[in-house]
Amino acid sequence: MLPTVEEVKIVDDTAIAILVYDTKGTMLGKPIQGRFRYIRIWKQFSDGLKVIGGSCTKLS
């Protein structure tokens, strides 16, 4: 399943992307499954884009 892009905001050299994705797998050796909202904050540096922050929250 493809993620649903909820919002993308760009301010100067920084972008915030908010996506919702159905996830199934393992994290830190424990199974996870469900619908999650992912937030990633990207920043442009001289050597390319890098993630400088983010979060993942399970939705009810």
PDB file of N, CA and C in Angstrom:
ATOM      1  N   MET A   1       0.839  -1.181   0.000  1.00  0.00           N
ATOM      2  CA  MET A   1       0.000   0.000   0.000  1.00  0.00           C
ATOM      3  C   MET A   1       0.886   1.248   0.000  1.00  0.00           C
ATOM      4  N   LEU A   2       0.510   2.235  -0.749  1.00  0.00           N
ATOM      5  CA  LEU A   2       1.250   3.494  -0.820  1.00  0.00           C
ATOM      6  C   LEU A   2       0.846   4.414   0.328  1.00  0.00           C
ATOM      7  N   PRO A   3       1.778   5.220   0.816  1.00  0.00           N
ATOM      8  CA  PRO A   3       1.428   6.159   1.882  1.00  0.00           C
ATOM      9  C   PRO A   3       0.517   7.269   1.359  1.00  0.00           C
ATOM     10  N   THR A   4      -0.258   7.829   2.261  1.00  0.00           N
ATOM     11  CA  THR A   4      -1.082   8.991   1.963  1.00  0.00           C
ATOM     12  C   THR A   4      -0.327  10.231   2.424  1.00  0.00           C
ATOM     13  N   VAL A   5      -0.048  11.134   1.512  1.00  0.00           N
ATOM     14  CA  VAL A   5       0.647  12.372   1.869  1.00  0.00           C
ATOM     15  C   VAL A   5      -0.406  13.342   2.406  1.00  0.00           C
ATOM     16  N   GLU A   6      -0.288  13.706   3.678  1.00  0.00           N
ATOM     17  CA  GLU A   6      -1.236  14.637   4.282  1.00  0.00           C
ATOM     18  C   GLU A   6      -0.832  16.081   4.049  1.00  0.00           C
ATOM     19  N   GLU A   7       0.489  16.344   4.132  1.00  0.00           N
ATOM     20  CA  GLU A   7       0.928  17.729   3.992  1.00  0.00           C
ATOM     21  C   GLU A   7       2.435  17.772   3.751  1.00  0.00           C
ATOM     22  N   VAL A   8       2.846  18.730   2.948  1.00  0.00           N
ATOM     23  CA  VAL A   8       4.262  19.038   2.759  1.00  0.00           C
ATOM     24  C   VAL A   8       4.390  20.555   2.829  1.00  0.00           C
ATOM     25  N   LYS A   9       5.244  21.029   3.721  1.00  0.00           N
ATOM     26  CA  LYS A   9       5.488  22.472   3.863  1.00  0.00           C
ATOM     27  C   LYS A   9       6.968  22.720   3.639  1.00  0.00           C
ATOM     28  N   ILE A  10       7.278  23.751   2.875  1.00  0.00           N
ATOM     29  CA  ILE A  10       8.666  24.116   2.627  1.00  0.00           C
ATOM     30  C   ILE A  10       8.871  25.548   3.089  1.00  0.00           C
ATOM     31  N   VAL A  11       9.859  25.739   3.938  1.00  0.00           N
ATOM     32  CA  VAL A  11      10.233  27.063   4.428  1.00  0.00           C
ATOM     33  C   VAL A  11      11.741  27.188   4.257  1.00  0.00           C
ATOM     34  N   ASP A  12      12.137  28.092   3.373  1.00  0.00           N
ATOM     35  CA  ASP A  12      13.559  28.304   3.076  1.00  0.00           C
ATOM     36  C   ASP A  12      14.211  26.984   2.663  1.00  0.00           C
ATOM     37  N   ASP A  13      15.175  26.496   3.457  1.00  0.00           N
ATOM     38  CA  ASP A  13      15.898  25.274   3.103  1.00  0.00           C
ATOM     39  C   ASP A  13      15.436  24.058   3.912  1.00  0.00           C
ATOM     40  N   THR A  14      14.225  24.153   4.492  1.00  0.00           N
ATOM     41  CA  THR A  14      13.698  23.085   5.332  1.00  0.00           C
ATOM     42  C   THR A  14      12.313  22.668   4.846  1.00  0.00           C
ATOM     43  N   ALA A  15      12.045  21.354   4.873  1.00  0.00           N
ATOM     44  CA  ALA A  15      10.731  20.831   4.474  1.00  0.00           C
ATOM     45  C   ALA A  15      10.200  19.908   5.559  1.00  0.00           C
ATOM     46  N   ILE A  16       8.891  19.964   5.764  1.00  0.00           N
ATOM     47  CA  ILE A  16       8.206  19.071   6.697  1.00  0.00           C
ATOM     48  C   ILE A  16       7.232  18.235   5.887  1.00  0.00           C
ATOM     49  N   ALA A  17       7.353  16.916   6.000  1.00  0.00           N
ATOM     50  CA  ALA A  17       6.465  16.000   5.292  1.00  0.00           C
ATOM     51  C   ALA A  17       5.690  15.183   6.315  1.00  0.00           C
ATOM     52  N   ILE A  18       4.359  15.127   6.126  1.00  0.00           N
ATOM     53  CA  ILE A  18       3.488  14.353   7.012  1.00  0.00           C
ATOM     54  C   ILE A  18       2.767  13.324   6.164  1.00  0.00           C
ATOM     55  N   LEU A  19       2.954  12.034   6.525  1.00  0.00           N
ATOM     56  CA  LEU A  19       2.362  10.942   5.767  1.00  0.00           C
ATOM     57  C   LEU A  19       1.655   9.976   6.702  1.00  0.00           C
ATOM     58  N   VAL A  20       0.656   9.273   6.176  1.00  0.00           N
ATOM     59  CA  VAL A  20      -0.002   8.195   6.906  1.00  0.00           C
ATOM     60  C   VAL A  20       0.238   6.923   6.113  1.00  0.00           C
ATOM     61  N   TYR A  21       0.606   5.846   6.841  1.00  0.00           N
ATOM     62  CA  TYR A  21       0.997   4.613   6.168  1.00  0.00           C
ATOM     63  C   TYR A  21       0.570   3.420   7.005  1.00  0.00           C
ATOM     64  N   ASP A  22       0.027   2.402   6.347  1.00  0.00           N
ATOM     65  CA  ASP A  22      -0.267   1.134   7.016  1.00  0.00           C
ATOM     66  C   ASP A  22       1.032   0.352   7.097  1.00  0.00           C
ATOM     67  N   THR A  23       1.433   0.015   8.316  1.00  0.00           N
ATOM     68  CA  THR A  23       2.738  -0.586   8.551  1.00  0.00           C
ATOM     69  C   THR A  23       2.588  -1.964   9.173  1.00  0.00           C
ATOM     70  N   LYS A  24       3.439  -2.880   8.734  1.00  0.00           N
ATOM     71  CA  LYS A  24       3.509  -4.209   9.347  1.00  0.00           C
ATOM     72  C   LYS A  24       4.961  -4.650   9.275  1.00  0.00           C
ATOM     73  N   GLY A  25       5.531  -5.000  10.424  1.00  0.00           N
ATOM     74  CA  GLY A  25       6.916  -5.426  10.448  1.00  0.00           C
ATOM     75  C   GLY A  25       7.421  -5.543  11.871  1.00  0.00           C
ATOM     76  N   THR A  26       8.720  -5.332  12.037  1.00  0.00           N
ATOM     77  CA  THR A  26       9.311  -5.370  13.372  1.00  0.00           C
ATOM     78  C   THR A  26      10.126  -4.104  13.593  1.00  0.00           C
ATOM     79  N   MET A  27      10.153  -3.676  14.845  1.00  0.00           N
ATOM     80  CA  MET A  27      10.960  -2.530  15.234  1.00  0.00           C
ATOM     81  C   MET A  27      11.608  -2.869  16.568  1.00  0.00           C
ATOM     82  N   LEU A  28      12.919  -2.769  16.608  1.00  0.00           N
ATOM     83  CA  LEU A  28      13.675  -3.113  17.812  1.00  0.00           C
ATOM     84  C   LEU A  28      13.341  -4.526  18.286  1.00  0.00           C
ATOM     85  N   GLY A  29      13.138  -5.435  17.323  1.00  0.00           N
ATOM     86  CA  GLY A  29      12.880  -6.837  17.630  1.00  0.00           C
ATOM     87  C   GLY A  29      11.457  -7.159  18.037  1.00  0.00           C
ATOM     88  N   LYS A  30      10.551  -6.170  18.012  1.00  0.00           N
ATOM     89  CA  LYS A  30       9.155  -6.401  18.407  1.00  0.00           C
ATOM     90  C   LYS A  30       8.238  -6.151  17.217  1.00  0.00           C
ATOM     91  N   PRO A  31       7.189  -6.975  17.085  1.00  0.00           N
ATOM     92  CA  PRO A  31       6.269  -6.781  15.959  1.00  0.00           C
ATOM     93  C   PRO A  31       5.461  -5.495  16.105  1.00  0.00           C
ATOM     94  N   ILE A  32       5.252  -4.832  14.976  1.00  0.00           N
ATOM     95  CA  ILE A  32       4.370  -3.663  14.938  1.00  0.00           C
ATOM     96  C   ILE A  32       3.413  -3.833  13.768  1.00  0.00           C
ATOM     97  N   GLN A  33       2.211  -3.333  13.937  1.00  0.00           N
ATOM     98  CA  GLN A  33       1.229  -3.375  12.865  1.00  0.00           C
ATOM     99  C   GLN A  33       0.172  -2.325  13.140  1.00  0.00           C
ATOM    100  N   GLY A  34      -0.266  -1.654  12.095  1.00  0.00           N
ATOM    101  CA  GLY A  34      -1.324  -0.670  12.237  1.00  0.00           C
ATOM    102  C   GLY A  34      -1.126   0.507  11.306  1.00  0.00           C
ATOM    103  N   ARG A  35      -1.925   1.510  11.535  1.00  0.00           N
ATOM    104  CA  ARG A  35      -1.873   2.746  10.747  1.00  0.00           C
ATOM    105  C   ARG A  35      -1.081   3.776  11.540  1.00  0.00           C
ATOM    106  N   PHE A  36      -0.049   4.347  10.919  1.00  0.00           N
ATOM    107  CA  PHE A  36       0.859   5.265  11.601  1.00  0.00           C
ATOM    108  C   PHE A  36       0.971   6.581  10.848  1.00  0.00           C
ATOM    109  N   ARG A  37       1.180   7.662  11.597  1.00  0.00           N
ATOM    110  CA  ARG A  37       1.473   8.963  10.994  1.00  0.00           C
ATOM    111  C   ARG A  37       2.972   9.221  11.186  1.00  0.00           C
ATOM    112  N   TYR A  38       3.636   9.467  10.063  1.00  0.00           N
ATOM    113  CA  TYR A  38       5.070   9.736  10.064  1.00  0.00           C
ATOM    114  C   TYR A  38       5.298  11.210   9.762  1.00  0.00           C
ATOM    115  N   ILE A  39       6.135  11.852  10.553  1.00  0.00           N
ATOM    116  CA  ILE A  39       6.534  13.234  10.308  1.00  0.00           C
ATOM    117  C   ILE A  39       8.049  13.234  10.137  1.00  0.00           C
ATOM    118  N   ARG A  40       8.517  13.815   9.049  1.00  0.00           N
ATOM    119  CA  ARG A  40       9.946  13.933   8.794  1.00  0.00           C
ATOM    120  C   ARG A  40      10.281  15.381   8.479  1.00  0.00           C
ATOM    121  N   ILE A  41      11.352  15.859   9.056  1.00  0.00           N
ATOM    122  CA  ILE A  41      11.825  17.217   8.807  1.00  0.00           C
ATOM    123  C   ILE A  41      13.152  17.100   8.074  1.00  0.00           C
ATOM    124  N   TRP A  42      13.189  17.660   6.874  1.00  0.00           N
ATOM    125  CA  TRP A  42      14.359  17.598   6.010  1.00  0.00           C
ATOM    126  C   TRP A  42      14.991  18.978   5.909  1.00  0.00           C
ATOM    127  N   LYS A  43      16.319  19.005   5.806  1.00  0.00           N
ATOM    128  CA  LYS A  43      17.035  20.267   5.638  1.00  0.00           C
ATOM    129  C   LYS A  43      18.062  20.103   4.522  1.00  0.00           C
ATOM    130  N   GLN A  44      18.160  21.132   3.700  1.00  0.00           N
ATOM    131  CA  GLN A  44      19.141  21.134   2.610  1.00  0.00           C
ATOM    132  C   GLN A  44      20.487  21.606   3.143  1.00  0.00           C
ATOM    133  N   PHE A  45      21.512  20.777   2.983  1.00  0.00           N
ATOM    134  CA  PHE A  45      22.885  21.125   3.320  1.00  0.00           C
ATOM    135  C   PHE A  45      23.693  21.159   2.029  1.00  0.00           C
ATOM    136  N   SER A  46      24.915  21.628   2.102  1.00  0.00           N
ATOM    137  CA  SER A  46      25.745  21.719   0.896  1.00  0.00           C
ATOM    138  C   SER A  46      25.985  20.356   0.255  1.00  0.00           C
ATOM    139  N   ASP A  47      25.936  19.273   1.058  1.00  0.00           N
ATOM    140  CA  ASP A  47      26.146  17.932   0.508  1.00  0.00           C
ATOM    141  C   ASP A  47      24.848  17.149   0.299  1.00  0.00           C
ATOM    142  N   GLY A  48      23.694  17.823   0.366  1.00  0.00           N
ATOM    143  CA  GLY A  48      22.416  17.174   0.067  1.00  0.00           C
ATOM    144  C   GLY A  48      21.395  17.329   1.174  1.00  0.00           C
ATOM    145  N   LEU A  49      20.231  16.709   0.951  1.00  0.00           N
ATOM    146  CA  LEU A  49      19.148  16.730   1.935  1.00  0.00           C
ATOM    147  C   LEU A  49      19.433  15.735   3.050  1.00  0.00           C
ATOM    148  N   LYS A  50      19.091  16.129   4.286  1.00  0.00           N
ATOM    149  CA  LYS A  50      19.248  15.237   5.430  1.00  0.00           C
ATOM    150  C   LYS A  50      18.034  15.365   6.330  1.00  0.00           C
ATOM    151  N   VAL A  51      17.628  14.239   6.924  1.00  0.00           N
ATOM    152  CA  VAL A  51      16.554  14.250   7.916  1.00  0.00           C
ATOM    153  C   VAL A  51      17.150  14.787   9.214  1.00  0.00           C
ATOM    154  N   ILE A  52      16.529  15.841   9.751  1.00  0.00           N
ATOM    155  CA  ILE A  52      17.020  16.432  10.998  1.00  0.00           C
ATOM    156  C   ILE A  52      16.048  16.218  12.158  1.00  0.00           C
ATOM    157  N   GLY A  53      14.891  15.612  11.878  1.00  0.00           N
ATOM    158  CA  GLY A  53      13.928  15.344  12.949  1.00  0.00           C
ATOM    159  C   GLY A  53      12.763  14.533  12.418  1.00  0.00           C
ATOM    160  N   GLY A  54      12.004  13.970  13.323  1.00  0.00           N
ATOM    161  CA  GLY A  54      10.842  13.218  12.892  1.00  0.00           C
ATOM    162  C   GLY A  54      10.172  12.507  14.040  1.00  0.00           C
ATOM    163  N   SER A  55       9.015  11.922  13.722  1.00  0.00           N
ATOM    164  CA  SER A  55       8.276  11.147  14.697  1.00  0.00           C
ATOM    165  C   SER A  55       7.401  10.143  13.973  1.00  0.00           C
ATOM    166  N   CYS A  56       6.938   9.175  14.743  1.00  0.00           N
ATOM    167  CA  CYS A  56       6.023   8.152  14.242  1.00  0.00           C
ATOM    168  C   CYS A  56       5.016   7.875  15.342  1.00  0.00           C
ATOM    169  N   THR A  57       3.730   8.012  15.030  1.00  0.00           N
ATOM    170  CA  THR A  57       2.680   7.829  16.013  1.00  0.00           C
ATOM    171  C   THR A  57       1.630   6.886  15.477  1.00  0.00           C
ATOM    172  N   LYS A  58       1.237   5.888  16.284  1.00  0.00           N
ATOM    173  CA  LYS A  58       0.184   4.970  15.874  1.00  0.00           C
ATOM    174  C   LYS A  58      -1.165   5.665  15.996  1.00  0.00           C
ATOM    175  N   LEU A  59      -1.979   5.535  14.942  1.00  0.00           N
ATOM    176  CA  LEU A  59      -3.313   6.119  14.954  1.00  0.00           C
ATOM    177  C   LEU A  59      -4.310   5.079  15.456  1.00  0.00           C
ATOM    178  N   SER A  60      -5.366   5.534  16.105  1.00  0.00           N
ATOM    179  CA  SER A  60      -6.373   4.602  16.627  1.00  0.00           C
ATOM    180  C   SER A  60      -7.237   4.076  15.519  1.00  0.00           C
TER     181      SER A  60
END
